[in-house]
Amino acid sequence: MEIILPLYLVNNMPWVWLGIAVIMTIIEGLTMGLTTVWLALAALVSMVLAFFIPSLTTQITVFLILSILMLAFTRPLAVNKMKMGKEKTNADRLVGMTGIVKIPVSSDQPGQVKVAGQIWTARPEEFEMKFAIGEEIQIIRIEGVTLIISKPAE
């Protein structure tokens, strides 16, 4: 099935593809999701193709196939390379370490613990847990700037 368009549009398809590429690039710049950048690249390939093959059906088919292939295969590689998502921090090294309670910690009242020479706000991992001043704790995870603590593993 051949797509039929007015002659002025067919003659200007490279500019249409360029416009699509620019719009997709702007959207990518606003969202930083590494999704529309692949559509922009596919539109640029379709733009070059439009100079040599006037068939709109072929151009659209190439655009769709390239978009799907790049989204499926190159996006995951790019996301891994850029490490989008959870960002590791120096605080992550605290997970698993032990510390000492400085201000009592309970589920209804966060307290403070000293770990690696720094004072942190802390909450217990389980609701019924309570920790007294001087008690040893172990860091289970970090939520925001609060340590989630438990009794140390024996």
N, C-alpha and C. Protein backbone atom coordinates (compact mmCIF):
# COMPACT_ATOMS: atom_id res chain seq x y z
N MET A 1 0.85 -1.17 0.00
CA MET A 1 0.00 0.00 0.00
C MET A 1 0.90 1.24 0.00
N GLU A 2 0.77 2.04 -1.00
CA GLU A 2 1.58 3.24 -1.16
C GLU A 2 0.84 4.43 -0.55
N ILE A 3 1.56 5.21 0.26
CA ILE A 3 0.96 6.40 0.85
C ILE A 3 1.08 7.53 -0.17
N ILE A 4 -0.03 8.18 -0.43
CA ILE A 4 -0.06 9.25 -1.43
C ILE A 4 -0.19 10.59 -0.70
N LEU A 5 0.76 11.49 -0.98
CA LEU A 5 0.75 12.83 -0.39
C LEU A 5 0.86 13.86 -1.51
N PRO A 6 0.47 15.10 -1.22
CA PRO A 6 0.65 16.15 -2.22
C PRO A 6 2.13 16.28 -2.61
N LEU A 7 2.37 16.69 -3.85
CA LEU A 7 3.72 16.78 -4.38
C LEU A 7 4.61 17.71 -3.58
N TYR A 8 4.07 18.84 -3.10
CA TYR A 8 4.89 19.78 -2.33
C TYR A 8 5.38 19.15 -1.03
N LEU A 9 4.59 18.26 -0.45
CA LEU A 9 5.02 17.60 0.78
C LEU A 9 6.06 16.51 0.48
N VAL A 10 5.82 15.75 -0.59
CA VAL A 10 6.77 14.71 -0.98
C VAL A 10 8.13 15.32 -1.31
N ASN A 11 8.13 16.45 -1.98
CA ASN A 11 9.37 17.12 -2.34
C ASN A 11 10.09 17.69 -1.13
N ASN A 12 9.38 17.87 -0.04
CA ASN A 12 9.97 18.47 1.16
C ASN A 12 10.11 17.48 2.31
N MET A 13 10.01 16.18 2.03
CA MET A 13 10.09 15.18 3.10
C MET A 13 11.40 15.23 3.88
N PRO A 14 12.53 15.53 3.25
CA PRO A 14 13.75 15.63 4.08
C PRO A 14 13.60 16.68 5.18
N TRP A 15 12.92 17.78 4.87
CA TRP A 15 12.72 18.83 5.87
C TRP A 15 11.73 18.38 6.94
N VAL A 16 10.74 17.59 6.54
CA VAL A 16 9.79 17.05 7.52
C VAL A 16 10.53 16.13 8.50
N TRP A 17 11.37 15.24 7.97
CA TRP A 17 12.14 14.34 8.84
C TRP A 17 13.10 15.13 9.74
N LEU A 18 13.71 16.17 9.20
CA LEU A 18 14.58 17.02 10.01
C LEU A 18 13.79 17.67 11.14
N GLY A 19 12.58 18.14 10.83
CA GLY A 19 11.72 18.74 11.85
C GLY A 19 11.36 17.74 12.94
N ILE A 20 11.07 16.51 12.54
CA ILE A 20 10.76 15.46 13.52
C ILE A 20 11.98 15.20 14.40
N ALA A 21 13.16 15.15 13.78
CA ALA A 21 14.40 14.91 14.55
C ALA A 21 14.64 16.04 15.56
N VAL A 22 14.41 17.28 15.15
CA VAL A 22 14.61 18.43 16.05
C VAL A 22 13.62 18.36 17.21
N ILE A 23 12.36 18.07 16.90
CA ILE A 23 11.34 17.98 17.95
C ILE A 23 11.69 16.86 18.94
N MET A 24 12.10 15.71 18.44
CA MET A 24 12.47 14.60 19.32
C MET A 24 13.69 14.94 20.17
N THR A 25 14.63 15.67 19.60
CA THR A 25 15.82 16.08 20.35
C THR A 25 15.44 17.05 21.46
N ILE A 26 14.54 17.97 21.19
CA ILE A 26 14.07 18.91 22.22
C ILE A 26 13.37 18.15 23.34
N ILE A 27 12.50 17.21 22.97
CA ILE A 27 11.81 16.41 23.99
C ILE A 27 12.81 15.64 24.83
N GLU A 28 13.82 15.06 24.18
CA GLU A 28 14.85 14.32 24.92
C GLU A 28 15.59 15.22 25.88
N GLY A 29 15.89 16.44 25.44
CA GLY A 29 16.58 17.40 26.30
C GLY A 29 15.75 17.76 27.52
N LEU A 30 14.45 17.77 27.38
CA LEU A 30 13.58 18.11 28.50
C LEU A 30 13.35 16.93 29.44
N THR A 31 13.33 15.72 28.90
CA THR A 31 13.01 14.56 29.74
C THR A 31 14.22 13.75 30.19
N MET A 32 15.30 13.75 29.41
CA MET A 32 16.51 12.98 29.72
C MET A 32 16.20 11.50 29.99
N GLY A 33 15.26 10.94 29.23
CA GLY A 33 14.88 9.55 29.44
C GLY A 33 15.54 8.57 28.49
N LEU A 34 16.39 9.05 27.60
CA LEU A 34 17.04 8.22 26.59
C LEU A 34 16.03 7.40 25.80
N THR A 35 14.93 8.02 25.43
CA THR A 35 13.92 7.35 24.62
C THR A 35 13.77 8.05 23.28
N THR A 36 13.47 9.33 23.30
CA THR A 36 13.21 10.04 22.04
C THR A 36 14.48 10.31 21.25
N VAL A 37 15.65 10.18 21.86
CA VAL A 37 16.89 10.37 21.12
C VAL A 37 17.01 9.33 20.01
N TRP A 38 16.52 8.12 20.25
CA TRP A 38 16.57 7.07 19.22
C TRP A 38 15.60 7.38 18.10
N LEU A 39 14.47 7.98 18.43
CA LEU A 39 13.53 8.40 17.39
C LEU A 39 14.14 9.52 16.55
N ALA A 40 14.88 10.41 17.20
CA ALA A 40 15.54 11.50 16.47
C ALA A 40 16.58 10.94 15.51
N LEU A 41 17.35 9.97 15.95
CA LEU A 41 18.36 9.36 15.07
C LEU A 41 17.70 8.64 13.90
N ALA A 42 16.61 7.94 14.16
CA ALA A 42 15.88 7.25 13.08
C ALA A 42 15.30 8.27 12.10
N ALA A 43 14.85 9.41 12.60
CA ALA A 43 14.32 10.46 11.72
C ALA A 43 15.44 11.03 10.85
N LEU A 44 16.63 11.17 11.39
CA LEU A 44 17.76 11.66 10.59
C LEU A 44 18.13 10.67 9.47
N VAL A 45 18.10 9.39 9.77
CA VAL A 45 18.36 8.38 8.75
C VAL A 45 17.27 8.45 7.68
N SER A 46 16.02 8.61 8.10
CA SER A 46 14.92 8.74 7.14
C SER A 46 15.06 10.01 6.31
N MET A 47 15.59 11.06 6.90
CA MET A 47 15.82 12.30 6.16
C MET A 47 16.82 12.06 5.02
N VAL A 48 17.93 11.39 5.33
CA VAL A 48 18.93 11.09 4.30
C VAL A 48 18.31 10.18 3.23
N LEU A 49 17.54 9.20 3.67
CA LEU A 49 16.87 8.29 2.75
C LEU A 49 15.91 9.04 1.83
N ALA A 50 15.26 10.06 2.34
CA ALA A 50 14.29 10.82 1.55
C ALA A 50 14.93 11.53 0.36
N PHE A 51 16.22 11.84 0.45
CA PHE A 51 16.91 12.46 -0.68
C PHE A 51 17.07 11.48 -1.85
N PHE A 52 17.15 10.18 -1.53
CA PHE A 52 17.44 9.18 -2.56
C PHE A 52 16.22 8.34 -2.94
N ILE A 53 15.33 8.08 -2.00
CA ILE A 53 14.15 7.25 -2.26
C ILE A 53 12.90 8.07 -1.92
N PRO A 54 12.14 8.47 -2.92
CA PRO A 54 10.98 9.33 -2.66
C PRO A 54 9.78 8.59 -2.05
N SER A 55 9.84 7.29 -1.94
CA SER A 55 8.72 6.52 -1.42
C SER A 55 8.52 6.79 0.08
N LEU A 56 7.39 7.41 0.40
CA LEU A 56 7.09 7.71 1.80
C LEU A 56 6.89 6.43 2.60
N THR A 57 6.32 5.42 1.99
CA THR A 57 6.11 4.15 2.67
C THR A 57 7.45 3.55 3.11
N THR A 58 8.42 3.61 2.24
CA THR A 58 9.76 3.10 2.57
C THR A 58 10.38 3.92 3.69
N GLN A 59 10.25 5.23 3.61
CA GLN A 59 10.82 6.10 4.64
C GLN A 59 10.20 5.82 6.01
N ILE A 60 8.88 5.70 6.05
CA ILE A 60 8.20 5.44 7.33
C ILE A 60 8.57 4.06 7.85
N THR A 61 8.64 3.08 6.96
CA THR A 61 9.02 1.72 7.38
C THR A 61 10.42 1.71 7.98
N VAL A 62 11.35 2.37 7.31
CA VAL A 62 12.72 2.45 7.83
C VAL A 62 12.73 3.17 9.17
N PHE A 63 11.99 4.25 9.29
CA PHE A 63 11.90 5.01 10.55
C PHE A 63 11.40 4.11 11.68
N LEU A 64 10.31 3.38 11.44
CA LEU A 64 9.73 2.53 12.48
C LEU A 64 10.66 1.39 12.87
N ILE A 65 11.24 0.72 11.87
CA ILE A 65 12.13 -0.40 12.17
C ILE A 65 13.37 0.07 12.94
N LEU A 66 13.98 1.15 12.47
CA LEU A 66 15.16 1.67 13.18
C LEU A 66 14.81 2.10 14.60
N SER A 67 13.68 2.77 14.76
CA SER A 67 13.27 3.23 16.10
C SER A 67 13.11 2.05 17.05
N ILE A 68 12.43 1.03 16.61
CA ILE A 68 12.19 -0.14 17.45
C ILE A 68 13.50 -0.85 17.78
N LEU A 69 14.34 -1.05 16.76
CA LEU A 69 15.62 -1.73 17.00
C LEU A 69 16.51 -0.94 17.95
N MET A 70 16.60 0.37 17.75
CA MET A 70 17.46 1.17 18.63
C MET A 70 16.91 1.23 20.04
N LEU A 71 15.58 1.33 20.18
CA LEU A 71 14.99 1.33 21.53
C LEU A 71 15.24 -0.01 22.22
N ALA A 72 15.11 -1.09 21.48
CA ALA A 72 15.23 -2.41 22.08
C ALA A 72 16.67 -2.79 22.41
N PHE A 73 17.63 -2.40 21.55
CA PHE A 73 18.99 -2.89 21.73
C PHE A 73 19.98 -1.85 22.26
N THR A 74 19.89 -0.62 21.80
CA THR A 74 20.91 0.34 22.22
C THR A 74 20.53 1.12 23.47
N ARG A 75 19.25 1.33 23.72
CA ARG A 75 18.84 2.08 24.91
C ARG A 75 19.32 1.39 26.19
N PRO A 76 19.09 0.06 26.35
CA PRO A 76 19.58 -0.58 27.57
C PRO A 76 21.10 -0.43 27.76
N LEU A 77 21.85 -0.52 26.68
CA LEU A 77 23.30 -0.34 26.79
C LEU A 77 23.64 1.08 27.23
N ALA A 78 22.96 2.06 26.65
CA ALA A 78 23.23 3.46 27.00
C ALA A 78 22.83 3.75 28.45
N VAL A 79 21.70 3.20 28.88
CA VAL A 79 21.25 3.42 30.27
C VAL A 79 22.26 2.82 31.24
N ASN A 80 22.76 1.62 30.94
CA ASN A 80 23.78 1.00 31.81
C ASN A 80 25.06 1.81 31.81
N LYS A 81 25.46 2.30 30.66
CA LYS A 81 26.69 3.08 30.56
C LYS A 81 26.59 4.38 31.35
N MET A 82 25.40 5.02 31.27
CA MET A 82 25.20 6.29 31.97
C MET A 82 24.77 6.08 33.42
N LYS A 83 24.46 4.83 33.77
CA LYS A 83 24.04 4.47 35.13
C LYS A 83 22.90 5.36 35.61
N MET A 84 21.86 5.43 34.78
CA MET A 84 20.69 6.23 35.16
C MET A 84 19.93 5.48 36.24
N GLY A 85 19.24 6.20 37.06
CA GLY A 85 18.48 5.60 38.13
C GLY A 85 19.12 5.91 39.47
N LYS A 86 19.23 4.89 40.33
CA LYS A 86 19.79 5.09 41.66
C LYS A 86 21.27 5.42 41.56
N GLU A 87 21.63 6.48 42.19
CA GLU A 87 23.01 6.92 42.17
C GLU A 87 23.71 6.47 43.44
N LYS A 88 24.84 5.83 43.29
CA LYS A 88 25.62 5.40 44.45
C LYS A 88 26.31 6.61 45.08
N THR A 89 26.36 6.60 46.41
CA THR A 89 27.03 7.69 47.12
C THR A 89 28.04 7.08 48.08
N ASN A 90 28.85 7.93 48.68
CA ASN A 90 29.80 7.45 49.68
C ASN A 90 29.10 6.87 50.90
N ALA A 91 27.88 7.34 51.16
CA ALA A 91 27.13 6.85 52.31
C ALA A 91 26.77 5.37 52.15
N ASP A 92 26.68 4.88 50.91
CA ASP A 92 26.33 3.47 50.69
C ASP A 92 27.34 2.52 51.33
N ARG A 93 28.55 2.98 51.54
CA ARG A 93 29.56 2.13 52.16
C ARG A 93 29.22 1.82 53.62
N LEU A 94 28.32 2.60 54.21
CA LEU A 94 27.95 2.40 55.61
C LEU A 94 27.09 1.15 55.81
N VAL A 95 26.38 0.73 54.77
CA VAL A 95 25.49 -0.43 54.90
C VAL A 95 26.32 -1.64 55.32
N GLY A 96 25.88 -2.29 56.41
CA GLY A 96 26.58 -3.44 56.95
C GLY A 96 27.52 -3.09 58.09
N MET A 97 27.89 -1.82 58.22
CA MET A 97 28.79 -1.40 59.29
C MET A 97 28.04 -1.35 60.62
N THR A 98 28.79 -1.33 61.71
CA THR A 98 28.18 -1.21 63.04
C THR A 98 28.48 0.17 63.59
N GLY A 99 27.66 0.57 64.54
CA GLY A 99 27.81 1.86 65.18
C GLY A 99 27.28 1.81 66.60
N ILE A 100 27.30 2.96 67.27
CA ILE A 100 26.87 3.07 68.66
C ILE A 100 25.73 4.09 68.75
N VAL A 101 24.70 3.75 69.53
CA VAL A 101 23.56 4.65 69.72
C VAL A 101 23.98 5.81 70.62
N LYS A 102 23.70 7.04 70.19
CA LYS A 102 24.01 8.24 70.97
C LYS A 102 22.75 8.84 71.58
N ILE A 103 21.62 8.75 70.85
CA ILE A 103 20.31 9.18 71.36
C ILE A 103 19.37 8.01 71.12
N PRO A 104 18.59 7.58 72.14
CA PRO A 104 17.75 6.38 72.01
C PRO A 104 16.92 6.38 70.71
N VAL A 105 16.80 5.17 70.15
CA VAL A 105 16.10 4.99 68.87
C VAL A 105 14.92 4.06 69.08
N SER A 106 13.75 4.47 68.60
CA SER A 106 12.57 3.60 68.60
C SER A 106 11.74 3.94 67.37
N SER A 107 10.72 3.11 67.10
CA SER A 107 9.91 3.33 65.90
C SER A 107 9.11 4.63 65.97
N ASP A 108 8.73 5.04 67.20
CA ASP A 108 7.95 6.28 67.31
C ASP A 108 8.83 7.52 67.49
N GLN A 109 10.12 7.31 67.77
CA GLN A 109 11.03 8.44 67.97
C GLN A 109 12.40 8.13 67.38
N PRO A 110 12.70 8.67 66.17
CA PRO A 110 14.03 8.44 65.61
C PRO A 110 15.10 9.00 66.56
N GLY A 111 16.22 8.34 66.60
CA GLY A 111 17.32 8.79 67.45
C GLY A 111 18.56 9.06 66.61
N GLN A 112 19.71 8.99 67.27
CA GLN A 112 20.96 9.23 66.56
C GLN A 112 21.96 8.14 66.89
N VAL A 113 22.77 7.80 65.89
CA VAL A 113 23.83 6.82 66.07
C VAL A 113 25.12 7.39 65.50
N LYS A 114 26.24 6.89 66.03
CA LYS A 114 27.54 7.30 65.52
C LYS A 114 28.14 6.13 64.76
N VAL A 115 28.44 6.40 63.49
CA VAL A 115 29.01 5.38 62.61
C VAL A 115 30.17 6.01 61.85
N ALA A 116 31.30 5.37 61.87
CA ALA A 116 32.49 5.85 61.15
C ALA A 116 32.80 7.31 61.49
N GLY A 117 32.63 7.66 62.75
CA GLY A 117 32.97 9.00 63.21
C GLY A 117 31.92 10.07 62.91
N GLN A 118 30.79 9.68 62.34
CA GLN A 118 29.74 10.65 62.02
C GLN A 118 28.45 10.30 62.74
N ILE A 119 27.69 11.36 63.07
CA ILE A 119 26.39 11.18 63.72
C ILE A 119 25.32 11.17 62.64
N TRP A 120 24.43 10.16 62.71
CA TRP A 120 23.34 10.01 61.75
C TRP A 120 22.01 9.86 62.49
N THR A 121 20.95 10.32 61.85
CA THR A 121 19.60 10.03 62.33
C THR A 121 19.32 8.58 62.00
N ALA A 122 18.64 7.87 62.91
CA ALA A 122 18.40 6.45 62.70
C ALA A 122 16.99 6.06 63.13
N ARG A 123 16.46 5.04 62.43
CA ARG A 123 15.18 4.43 62.78
C ARG A 123 15.39 2.92 62.79
N PRO A 124 14.62 2.20 63.61
CA PRO A 124 14.77 0.74 63.63
C PRO A 124 14.13 0.10 62.39
N GLU A 125 14.67 -1.05 61.99
CA GLU A 125 14.13 -1.76 60.83
C GLU A 125 12.75 -2.32 61.13
N GLU A 126 12.58 -2.84 62.34
CA GLU A 126 11.30 -3.44 62.72
C GLU A 126 10.61 -2.55 63.74
N PHE A 127 9.29 -2.51 63.68
CA PHE A 127 8.49 -1.59 64.48
C PHE A 127 8.74 -1.72 65.98
N GLU A 128 8.86 -2.93 66.49
CA GLU A 128 8.97 -3.13 67.94
C GLU A 128 10.38 -2.95 68.50
N MET A 129 11.34 -2.75 67.66
CA MET A 129 12.73 -2.62 68.13
C MET A 129 12.98 -1.28 68.80
N LYS A 130 13.80 -1.32 69.87
CA LYS A 130 14.23 -0.12 70.58
C LYS A 130 15.71 -0.27 70.89
N PHE A 131 16.41 0.86 70.86
CA PHE A 131 17.85 0.84 71.13
C PHE A 131 18.17 1.92 72.16
N ALA A 132 18.95 1.53 73.18
CA ALA A 132 19.32 2.45 74.25
C ALA A 132 20.70 3.06 73.95
N ILE A 133 21.00 4.14 74.68
CA ILE A 133 22.30 4.81 74.52
C ILE A 133 23.42 3.81 74.80
N GLY A 134 24.45 3.81 73.94
CA GLY A 134 25.60 2.94 74.10
C GLY A 134 25.44 1.57 73.46
N GLU A 135 24.24 1.24 73.01
CA GLU A 135 24.00 -0.07 72.41
C GLU A 135 24.61 -0.13 71.00
N GLU A 136 25.15 -1.29 70.65
CA GLU A 136 25.74 -1.47 69.32
C GLU A 136 24.63 -1.80 68.32
N ILE A 137 24.73 -1.22 67.12
CA ILE A 137 23.73 -1.44 66.07
C ILE A 137 24.44 -1.80 64.76
N GLN A 138 23.65 -2.31 63.81
CA GLN A 138 24.17 -2.57 62.47
C GLN A 138 23.26 -1.85 61.47
N ILE A 139 23.87 -1.25 60.45
CA ILE A 139 23.11 -0.52 59.44
C ILE A 139 22.61 -1.50 58.38
N ILE A 140 21.30 -1.49 58.17
CA ILE A 140 20.67 -2.39 57.20
C ILE A 140 20.57 -1.71 55.84
N ARG A 141 20.14 -0.44 55.84
CA ARG A 141 20.03 0.33 54.58
C ARG A 141 19.94 1.81 54.92
N ILE A 142 19.94 2.63 53.89
CA ILE A 142 19.81 4.07 54.06
C ILE A 142 18.60 4.54 53.27
N GLU A 143 17.73 5.29 53.92
CA GLU A 143 16.56 5.88 53.26
C GLU A 143 16.68 7.38 53.38
N GLY A 144 17.02 8.03 52.29
CA GLY A 144 17.25 9.47 52.33
C GLY A 144 18.51 9.75 53.14
N VAL A 145 18.34 10.46 54.28
CA VAL A 145 19.47 10.74 55.17
C VAL A 145 19.29 10.03 56.51
N THR A 146 18.46 9.00 56.52
CA THR A 146 18.19 8.26 57.75
C THR A 146 18.69 6.83 57.61
N LEU A 147 19.44 6.38 58.62
CA LEU A 147 19.91 5.01 58.64
C LEU A 147 18.81 4.11 59.20
N ILE A 148 18.60 2.97 58.57
CA ILE A 148 17.68 1.96 59.08
C ILE A 148 18.56 0.92 59.75
N ILE A 149 18.33 0.72 61.05
CA ILE A 149 19.25 -0.10 61.85
C ILE A 149 18.58 -1.33 62.44
N SER A 150 19.43 -2.26 62.86
CA SER A 150 18.99 -3.49 63.50
C SER A 150 20.07 -3.89 64.49
N LYS A 151 19.80 -4.97 65.24
CA LYS A 151 20.81 -5.50 66.15
C LYS A 151 21.90 -6.14 65.29
N PRO A 152 23.16 -6.06 65.71
CA PRO A 152 24.23 -6.66 64.90
C PRO A 152 24.10 -8.16 64.80
N ALA A 153 24.51 -8.69 63.64
CA ALA A 153 24.50 -10.13 63.44
C ALA A 153 25.55 -10.77 64.33
N GLU A 154 25.22 -11.86 64.95
CA GLU A 154 26.14 -12.54 65.87
C GLU A 154 27.02 -13.49 65.12
